[in-house]
Amino acid sequence: MVTIRLTRAGAKKRPFYHVVAKNKRSARDGGNLERLGYFNPIASGAEVRLELDMARVDYWLGVGAQTSERVAALLKEFKQNGVRTGVQYKATKTPRKKAVVSAEVTA
């Protein structure tokens, strides 16, 4: 049986979850059939909290996959709030400051 559930990623005390379709008997962080999106419970500001590929979720539900309790709540939230809950945040590198050489001109 296939279930749609969360797998944990991220650093210690900074959780980040992938929403995946996987065999019910596999371990939490074991191999998965397909990655369907992600859930960031500590998102703040302009970061995206929840993103899902609803076409693929609907496919897996159509072929008989079950959802975990948490994923069912996330699907409900996702459908109520529209396609995205926030603006995609993309980190950009800041250029290094170059040493400013000031030349004194004496007259």
C-alpha atoms as a PDB file:
ATOM      1  CA  MET A   1       0.000   0.000   0.000  1.00  0.00           C
ATOM      2  CA  VAL A   2       1.233   3.477  -0.867  1.00  0.00           C
ATOM      3  CA  THR A   3       0.972   6.370   1.572  1.00  0.00           C
ATOM      4  CA  ILE A   4       1.610  10.068   1.161  1.00  0.00           C
ATOM      5  CA  ARG A   5       3.557  11.252   4.179  1.00  0.00           C
ATOM      6  CA  LEU A   6       6.392  13.448   5.411  1.00  0.00           C
ATOM      7  CA  THR A   7      10.103  12.659   5.496  1.00  0.00           C
ATOM      8  CA  ARG A   8      12.343  14.771   7.652  1.00  0.00           C
ATOM      9  CA  ALA A   9      15.229  16.805   6.302  1.00  0.00           C
ATOM     10  CA  GLY A  10      17.046  19.865   7.580  1.00  0.00           C
ATOM     11  CA  ALA A  11      19.430  20.446  10.422  1.00  0.00           C
ATOM     12  CA  LYS A  12      19.039  19.787  14.111  1.00  0.00           C
ATOM     13  CA  LYS A  13      16.281  21.996  15.582  1.00  0.00           C
ATOM     14  CA  ARG A  14      15.553  23.377  12.067  1.00  0.00           C
ATOM     15  CA  PRO A  15      12.993  20.914  10.682  1.00  0.00           C
ATOM     16  CA  PHE A  16      12.134  20.724   7.010  1.00  0.00           C
ATOM     17  CA  TYR A  17       9.929  18.031   5.522  1.00  0.00           C
ATOM     18  CA  HIS A  18       9.491  16.580   2.050  1.00  0.00           C
ATOM     19  CA  VAL A  19       6.008  15.374   1.135  1.00  0.00           C
ATOM     20  CA  VAL A  20       6.539  12.009  -0.564  1.00  0.00           C
ATOM     21  CA  ALA A  21       4.674   8.995  -1.868  1.00  0.00           C
ATOM     22  CA  LYS A  22       6.191   5.826  -0.423  1.00  0.00           C
ATOM     23  CA  ASN A  23       5.474   2.267   0.567  1.00  0.00           C
ATOM     24  CA  LYS A  24       3.657   2.103   3.894  1.00  0.00           C
ATOM     25  CA  ARG A  25       6.134  -0.379   5.343  1.00  0.00           C
ATOM     26  CA  SER A  26       9.282   1.629   4.595  1.00  0.00           C
ATOM     27  CA  ALA A  27      11.103   3.655   7.243  1.00  0.00           C
ATOM     28  CA  ARG A  28      10.353   7.349   7.752  1.00  0.00           C
ATOM     29  CA  ASP A  29      13.486   8.500   5.946  1.00  0.00           C
ATOM     30  CA  GLY A  30      13.786   5.435   3.698  1.00  0.00           C
ATOM     31  CA  GLY A  31      13.454   5.343  -0.067  1.00  0.00           C
ATOM     32  CA  ASN A  32      10.420   6.964  -1.644  1.00  0.00           C
ATOM     33  CA  LEU A  33       8.500   6.501  -4.868  1.00  0.00           C
ATOM     34  CA  GLU A  34       8.131  10.190  -5.698  1.00  0.00           C
ATOM     35  CA  ARG A  35       8.705  13.573  -4.069  1.00  0.00           C
ATOM     36  CA  LEU A  36       5.504  15.628  -4.238  1.00  0.00           C
ATOM     37  CA  GLY A  37       6.500  18.857  -2.517  1.00  0.00           C
ATOM     38  CA  TYR A  38       7.808  20.248   0.736  1.00  0.00           C
ATOM     39  CA  PHE A  39       6.672  21.676   4.067  1.00  0.00           C
ATOM     40  CA  ASN A  40       8.688  24.228   6.043  1.00  0.00           C
ATOM     41  CA  PRO A  41       7.061  24.575   9.495  1.00  0.00           C
ATOM     42  CA  ILE A  42       9.347  27.412  10.607  1.00  0.00           C
ATOM     43  CA  ALA A  43       9.022  29.576   7.498  1.00  0.00           C
ATOM     44  CA  SER A  44       8.922  33.274   8.207  1.00  0.00           C
ATOM     45  CA  GLY A  45       8.566  36.414   6.174  1.00  0.00           C
ATOM     46  CA  ALA A  46       8.561  35.812   2.443  1.00  0.00           C
ATOM     47  CA  GLU A  47       9.605  32.141   2.668  1.00  0.00           C
ATOM     48  CA  VAL A  48       7.245  29.528   1.245  1.00  0.00           C
ATOM     49  CA  ARG A  49       5.706  27.376   3.992  1.00  0.00           C
ATOM     50  CA  LEU A  50       4.060  24.737   1.840  1.00  0.00           C
ATOM     51  CA  GLU A  51       4.440  23.787  -1.796  1.00  0.00           C
ATOM     52  CA  LEU A  52       2.821  20.767  -3.459  1.00  0.00           C
ATOM     53  CA  ASP A  53       2.444  19.375  -6.965  1.00  0.00           C
ATOM     54  CA  MET A  54      -1.319  18.861  -6.819  1.00  0.00           C
ATOM     55  CA  ALA A  55      -1.467  17.057 -10.163  1.00  0.00           C
ATOM     56  CA  ARG A  56       0.797  14.311  -8.808  1.00  0.00           C
ATOM     57  CA  VAL A  57      -0.964  14.247  -5.417  1.00  0.00           C
ATOM     58  CA  ASP A  58      -4.285  13.765  -7.199  1.00  0.00           C
ATOM     59  CA  TYR A  59      -2.736  10.975  -9.274  1.00  0.00           C
ATOM     60  CA  TRP A  60      -1.520   9.082  -6.201  1.00  0.00           C
ATOM     61  CA  LEU A  61      -4.849   9.543  -4.431  1.00  0.00           C
ATOM     62  CA  GLY A  62      -6.578   8.303  -7.588  1.00  0.00           C
ATOM     63  CA  VAL A  63      -4.625   5.049  -7.612  1.00  0.00           C
ATOM     64  CA  GLY A  64      -5.475   4.360  -3.964  1.00  0.00           C
ATOM     65  CA  ALA A  65      -2.770   6.020  -1.887  1.00  0.00           C
ATOM     66  CA  GLN A  66      -3.657   6.953   1.687  1.00  0.00           C
ATOM     67  CA  THR A  67      -2.507  10.138   3.431  1.00  0.00           C
ATOM     68  CA  SER A  68      -1.097  10.476   6.914  1.00  0.00           C
ATOM     69  CA  GLU A  69      -3.032  12.664   9.362  1.00  0.00           C
ATOM     70  CA  ARG A  70      -0.563  15.529   9.051  1.00  0.00           C
ATOM     71  CA  VAL A  71      -0.484  15.411   5.252  1.00  0.00           C
ATOM     72  CA  ALA A  72      -4.296  15.362   5.145  1.00  0.00           C
ATOM     73  CA  ALA A  73      -4.320  18.568   7.224  1.00  0.00           C
ATOM     74  CA  LEU A  74      -1.669  20.120   4.948  1.00  0.00           C
ATOM     75  CA  LEU A  75      -3.666  19.229   1.815  1.00  0.00           C
ATOM     76  CA  LYS A  76      -6.728  20.878   3.317  1.00  0.00           C
ATOM     77  CA  GLU A  77      -4.703  24.011   4.153  1.00  0.00           C
ATOM     78  CA  PHE A  78      -3.156  24.058   0.678  1.00  0.00           C
ATOM     79  CA  LYS A  79      -6.538  23.826  -1.050  1.00  0.00           C
ATOM     80  CA  GLN A  80      -8.026  26.603   1.107  1.00  0.00           C
ATOM     81  CA  ASN A  81      -5.137  29.035   0.679  1.00  0.00           C
ATOM     82  CA  GLY A  82      -4.685  28.599  -3.051  1.00  0.00           C
ATOM     83  CA  VAL A  83      -1.706  27.491  -5.029  1.00  0.00           C
ATOM     84  CA  ARG A  84       0.918  28.933  -2.726  1.00  0.00           C
ATOM     85  CA  THR A  85       1.088  30.193   0.823  1.00  0.00           C
ATOM     86  CA  GLY A  86       3.611  32.974   0.413  1.00  0.00           C
ATOM     87  CA  VAL A  87       6.119  34.238  -2.097  1.00  0.00           C
ATOM     88  CA  GLN A  88       9.025  32.089  -3.192  1.00  0.00           C
ATOM     89  CA  TYR A  89      12.175  33.246  -1.450  1.00  0.00           C
ATOM     90  CA  LYS A  90      15.441  33.008  -3.293  1.00  0.00           C
ATOM     91  CA  ALA A  91      18.649  33.795  -1.470  1.00  0.00           C
ATOM     92  CA  THR A  92      21.159  35.825  -3.393  1.00  0.00           C
ATOM     93  CA  LYS A  93      24.830  36.192  -2.746  1.00  0.00           C
ATOM     94  CA  THR A  94      26.053  39.593  -1.758  1.00  0.00           C
ATOM     95  CA  PRO A  95      29.245  40.694  -3.500  1.00  0.00           C
ATOM     96  CA  ARG A  96      32.298  41.040  -1.348  1.00  0.00           C
ATOM     97  CA  LYS A  97      33.371  44.551  -0.565  1.00  0.00           C
ATOM     98  CA  LYS A  98      36.564  45.492  -2.303  1.00  0.00           C
ATOM     99  CA  ALA A  99      39.155  47.404  -0.404  1.00  0.00           C
ATOM    100  CA  VAL A 100      38.834  51.060  -1.215  1.00  0.00           C
ATOM    101  CA  VAL A 101      42.181  52.673  -1.832  1.00  0.00           C
ATOM    102  CA  SER A 102      42.095  56.382  -1.291  1.00  0.00           C
ATOM    103  CA  ALA A 103      44.821  58.373  -2.948  1.00  0.00           C
ATOM    104  CA  GLU A 104      45.590  61.713  -1.461  1.00  0.00           C
ATOM    105  CA  VAL A 105      46.520  64.342  -3.930  1.00  0.00           C
ATOM    106  CA  THR A 106      48.805  67.024  -2.594  1.00  0.00           C
ATOM    107  CA  ALA A 107      48.924  70.319  -4.363  1.00  0.00           C
END
